[in-house]
Amino acid sequence: MNKEHNYEGGLFNYIVLKEEKEVIFYLHNLYPDCLKIPDIMKQRFPSDYKSIVVNSLDDFKKYGAKR
């Protein structure tokens, strides 16, 4: 599994699972940050990638630990 981590915080806190074509965002407080995700996806990722939002740090770490 190819993956890319970005742990800068906020909407920049995401994991890219390249083989699955998924981007997992960790948002502690979902609203209003979740409203910006469609624009981020259009700007940074191919159109066939989908976004997943989690608000549990444990769940986010599980995605990051997948191999």
N, C-alpha and C. Protein backbone atom coordinates (compact mmCIF):
# COMPACT_ATOMS: atom_id res chain seq x y z
N MET A 1 0.84 -1.17 0.00
CA MET A 1 0.00 0.00 0.00
C MET A 1 0.89 1.24 0.00
N ASN A 2 0.69 2.08 -0.95
CA ASN A 2 1.38 3.37 -0.97
C ASN A 2 0.57 4.34 -0.14
N LYS A 3 1.21 5.03 0.75
CA LYS A 3 0.50 6.02 1.53
C LYS A 3 1.39 7.22 1.77
N GLU A 4 0.75 8.32 1.98
CA GLU A 4 1.45 9.58 2.20
C GLU A 4 0.83 10.20 3.44
N HIS A 5 1.65 10.70 4.33
CA HIS A 5 1.16 11.30 5.57
C HIS A 5 1.40 12.80 5.54
N ASN A 6 0.48 13.50 6.14
CA ASN A 6 0.66 14.92 6.36
C ASN A 6 0.06 15.22 7.73
N TYR A 7 0.90 15.55 8.69
CA TYR A 7 0.44 15.76 10.06
C TYR A 7 0.57 17.22 10.49
N GLU A 8 0.33 18.13 9.60
CA GLU A 8 0.49 19.55 9.93
C GLU A 8 -0.65 20.09 10.79
N GLY A 9 -1.77 19.43 10.85
CA GLY A 9 -2.89 19.88 11.66
C GLY A 9 -3.99 20.50 10.82
N GLY A 10 -5.19 20.54 11.39
CA GLY A 10 -6.34 21.12 10.71
C GLY A 10 -6.66 20.38 9.42
N LEU A 11 -7.02 21.10 8.39
CA LEU A 11 -7.35 20.48 7.11
C LEU A 11 -6.12 19.95 6.39
N PHE A 12 -4.96 20.21 6.94
CA PHE A 12 -3.74 19.67 6.36
C PHE A 12 -3.38 18.34 7.01
N ASN A 13 -4.22 17.86 7.92
CA ASN A 13 -3.98 16.62 8.63
C ASN A 13 -4.70 15.49 7.88
N TYR A 14 -3.98 14.85 6.98
CA TYR A 14 -4.61 13.80 6.18
C TYR A 14 -3.62 12.70 5.85
N ILE A 15 -4.18 11.57 5.45
CA ILE A 15 -3.40 10.43 4.98
C ILE A 15 -3.93 10.07 3.60
N VAL A 16 -3.04 9.87 2.66
CA VAL A 16 -3.43 9.47 1.31
C VAL A 16 -3.13 7.99 1.14
N LEU A 17 -4.15 7.23 0.81
CA LEU A 17 -4.00 5.81 0.49
C LEU A 17 -4.08 5.70 -1.03
N LYS A 18 -2.93 5.65 -1.66
CA LYS A 18 -2.87 5.75 -3.12
C LYS A 18 -3.52 4.57 -3.83
N GLU A 19 -3.29 3.35 -3.34
CA GLU A 19 -3.87 2.18 -4.00
C GLU A 19 -5.39 2.18 -3.91
N GLU A 20 -5.92 2.63 -2.79
CA GLU A 20 -7.37 2.68 -2.59
C GLU A 20 -7.98 3.96 -3.16
N LYS A 21 -7.13 4.91 -3.50
CA LYS A 21 -7.57 6.21 -4.00
C LYS A 21 -8.49 6.90 -3.00
N GLU A 22 -7.99 6.96 -1.76
CA GLU A 22 -8.74 7.57 -0.67
C GLU A 22 -7.86 8.57 0.07
N VAL A 23 -8.48 9.62 0.54
CA VAL A 23 -7.81 10.62 1.37
C VAL A 23 -8.58 10.68 2.68
N ILE A 24 -7.90 10.38 3.78
CA ILE A 24 -8.54 10.38 5.08
C ILE A 24 -8.14 11.64 5.81
N PHE A 25 -9.14 12.43 6.16
CA PHE A 25 -8.93 13.68 6.89
C PHE A 25 -9.29 13.46 8.35
N TYR A 26 -8.45 13.97 9.25
CA TYR A 26 -8.78 13.96 10.68
C TYR A 26 -9.20 15.37 11.07
N LEU A 27 -10.45 15.50 11.47
CA LEU A 27 -10.98 16.79 11.92
C LEU A 27 -11.56 16.60 13.31
N HIS A 28 -10.95 17.22 14.29
CA HIS A 28 -11.46 17.12 15.65
C HIS A 28 -12.84 17.77 15.75
N ASN A 29 -12.96 18.95 15.19
CA ASN A 29 -14.25 19.65 15.11
C ASN A 29 -14.66 19.68 13.65
N LEU A 30 -15.69 18.93 13.32
CA LEU A 30 -16.05 18.75 11.91
C LEU A 30 -16.52 20.02 11.23
N TYR A 31 -17.38 20.77 11.88
CA TYR A 31 -17.97 21.93 11.23
C TYR A 31 -17.24 23.18 11.69
N PRO A 32 -16.90 24.08 10.85
CA PRO A 32 -17.17 24.25 9.44
C PRO A 32 -16.06 23.73 8.52
N ASP A 33 -14.99 23.15 9.10
CA ASP A 33 -13.86 22.71 8.29
C ASP A 33 -14.25 21.71 7.21
N CYS A 34 -15.24 20.86 7.50
CA CYS A 34 -15.62 19.84 6.53
C CYS A 34 -16.15 20.45 5.23
N LEU A 35 -16.62 21.68 5.28
CA LEU A 35 -17.15 22.33 4.09
C LEU A 35 -16.05 22.67 3.08
N LYS A 36 -14.81 22.72 3.53
CA LYS A 36 -13.69 23.06 2.66
C LYS A 36 -13.12 21.84 1.94
N ILE A 37 -13.47 20.65 2.37
CA ILE A 37 -12.88 19.43 1.82
C ILE A 37 -13.13 19.26 0.32
N PRO A 38 -14.33 19.50 -0.20
CA PRO A 38 -14.51 19.35 -1.66
C PRO A 38 -13.54 20.22 -2.48
N ASP A 39 -13.29 21.44 -2.04
CA ASP A 39 -12.35 22.30 -2.76
C ASP A 39 -10.92 21.77 -2.66
N ILE A 40 -10.54 21.29 -1.49
CA ILE A 40 -9.20 20.73 -1.30
C ILE A 40 -9.02 19.50 -2.19
N MET A 41 -10.04 18.66 -2.25
CA MET A 41 -9.96 17.46 -3.08
C MET A 41 -9.78 17.83 -4.55
N LYS A 42 -10.51 18.82 -5.01
CA LYS A 42 -10.40 19.26 -6.41
C LYS A 42 -9.01 19.84 -6.72
N GLN A 43 -8.45 20.58 -5.76
CA GLN A 43 -7.17 21.24 -5.98
C GLN A 43 -5.98 20.29 -5.88
N ARG A 44 -6.03 19.31 -4.98
CA ARG A 44 -4.84 18.53 -4.65
C ARG A 44 -4.83 17.09 -5.16
N PHE A 45 -6.01 16.55 -5.52
CA PHE A 45 -6.08 15.12 -5.83
C PHE A 45 -6.83 14.87 -7.13
N PRO A 46 -6.53 13.76 -7.79
CA PRO A 46 -7.27 13.40 -9.01
C PRO A 46 -8.76 13.22 -8.71
N SER A 47 -9.57 13.37 -9.73
CA SER A 47 -11.02 13.34 -9.54
C SER A 47 -11.56 11.98 -9.09
N ASP A 48 -10.79 10.89 -9.28
CA ASP A 48 -11.28 9.58 -8.87
C ASP A 48 -10.95 9.25 -7.42
N TYR A 49 -10.33 10.16 -6.70
CA TYR A 49 -10.05 9.95 -5.27
C TYR A 49 -11.28 10.36 -4.47
N LYS A 50 -11.54 9.64 -3.38
CA LYS A 50 -12.65 10.02 -2.51
C LYS A 50 -12.11 10.41 -1.15
N SER A 51 -12.87 11.22 -0.44
CA SER A 51 -12.45 11.68 0.88
C SER A 51 -13.24 10.95 1.96
N ILE A 52 -12.56 10.71 3.07
CA ILE A 52 -13.16 10.13 4.25
C ILE A 52 -12.79 11.04 5.41
N VAL A 53 -13.75 11.38 6.23
CA VAL A 53 -13.50 12.24 7.38
C VAL A 53 -13.71 11.44 8.65
N VAL A 54 -12.72 11.50 9.53
CA VAL A 54 -12.85 10.87 10.85
C VAL A 54 -12.62 11.92 11.92
N ASN A 55 -13.32 11.78 13.03
CA ASN A 55 -13.10 12.73 14.13
C ASN A 55 -12.53 12.04 15.35
N SER A 56 -12.12 10.80 15.18
CA SER A 56 -11.46 10.05 16.24
C SER A 56 -9.98 9.89 15.88
N LEU A 57 -9.11 10.34 16.76
CA LEU A 57 -7.68 10.23 16.50
C LEU A 57 -7.27 8.76 16.43
N ASP A 58 -7.90 7.91 17.22
CA ASP A 58 -7.60 6.47 17.17
C ASP A 58 -7.93 5.88 15.80
N ASP A 59 -9.08 6.25 15.25
CA ASP A 59 -9.45 5.77 13.91
C ASP A 59 -8.46 6.28 12.86
N PHE A 60 -8.07 7.54 13.00
CA PHE A 60 -7.13 8.13 12.06
C PHE A 60 -5.80 7.39 12.10
N LYS A 61 -5.33 7.07 13.30
CA LYS A 61 -4.07 6.34 13.43
C LYS A 61 -4.17 4.94 12.84
N LYS A 62 -5.35 4.32 12.91
CA LYS A 62 -5.55 3.00 12.32
C LYS A 62 -5.37 3.07 10.81
N TYR A 63 -5.90 4.10 10.18
CA TYR A 63 -5.70 4.26 8.73
C TYR A 63 -4.22 4.42 8.42
N GLY A 64 -3.52 5.17 9.24
CA GLY A 64 -2.10 5.41 9.03
C GLY A 64 -1.26 4.17 9.25
N ALA A 65 -1.75 3.24 10.03
CA ALA A 65 -1.01 2.02 10.34
C ALA A 65 -1.26 0.91 9.32
N LYS A 66 -2.25 1.07 8.44
CA LYS A 66 -2.55 0.04 7.45
C LYS A 66 -1.35 -0.20 6.55
N ARG A 67 -1.11 -1.45 6.23
CA ARG A 67 -0.03 -1.80 5.30
C ARG A 67 -0.51 -2.85 4.36
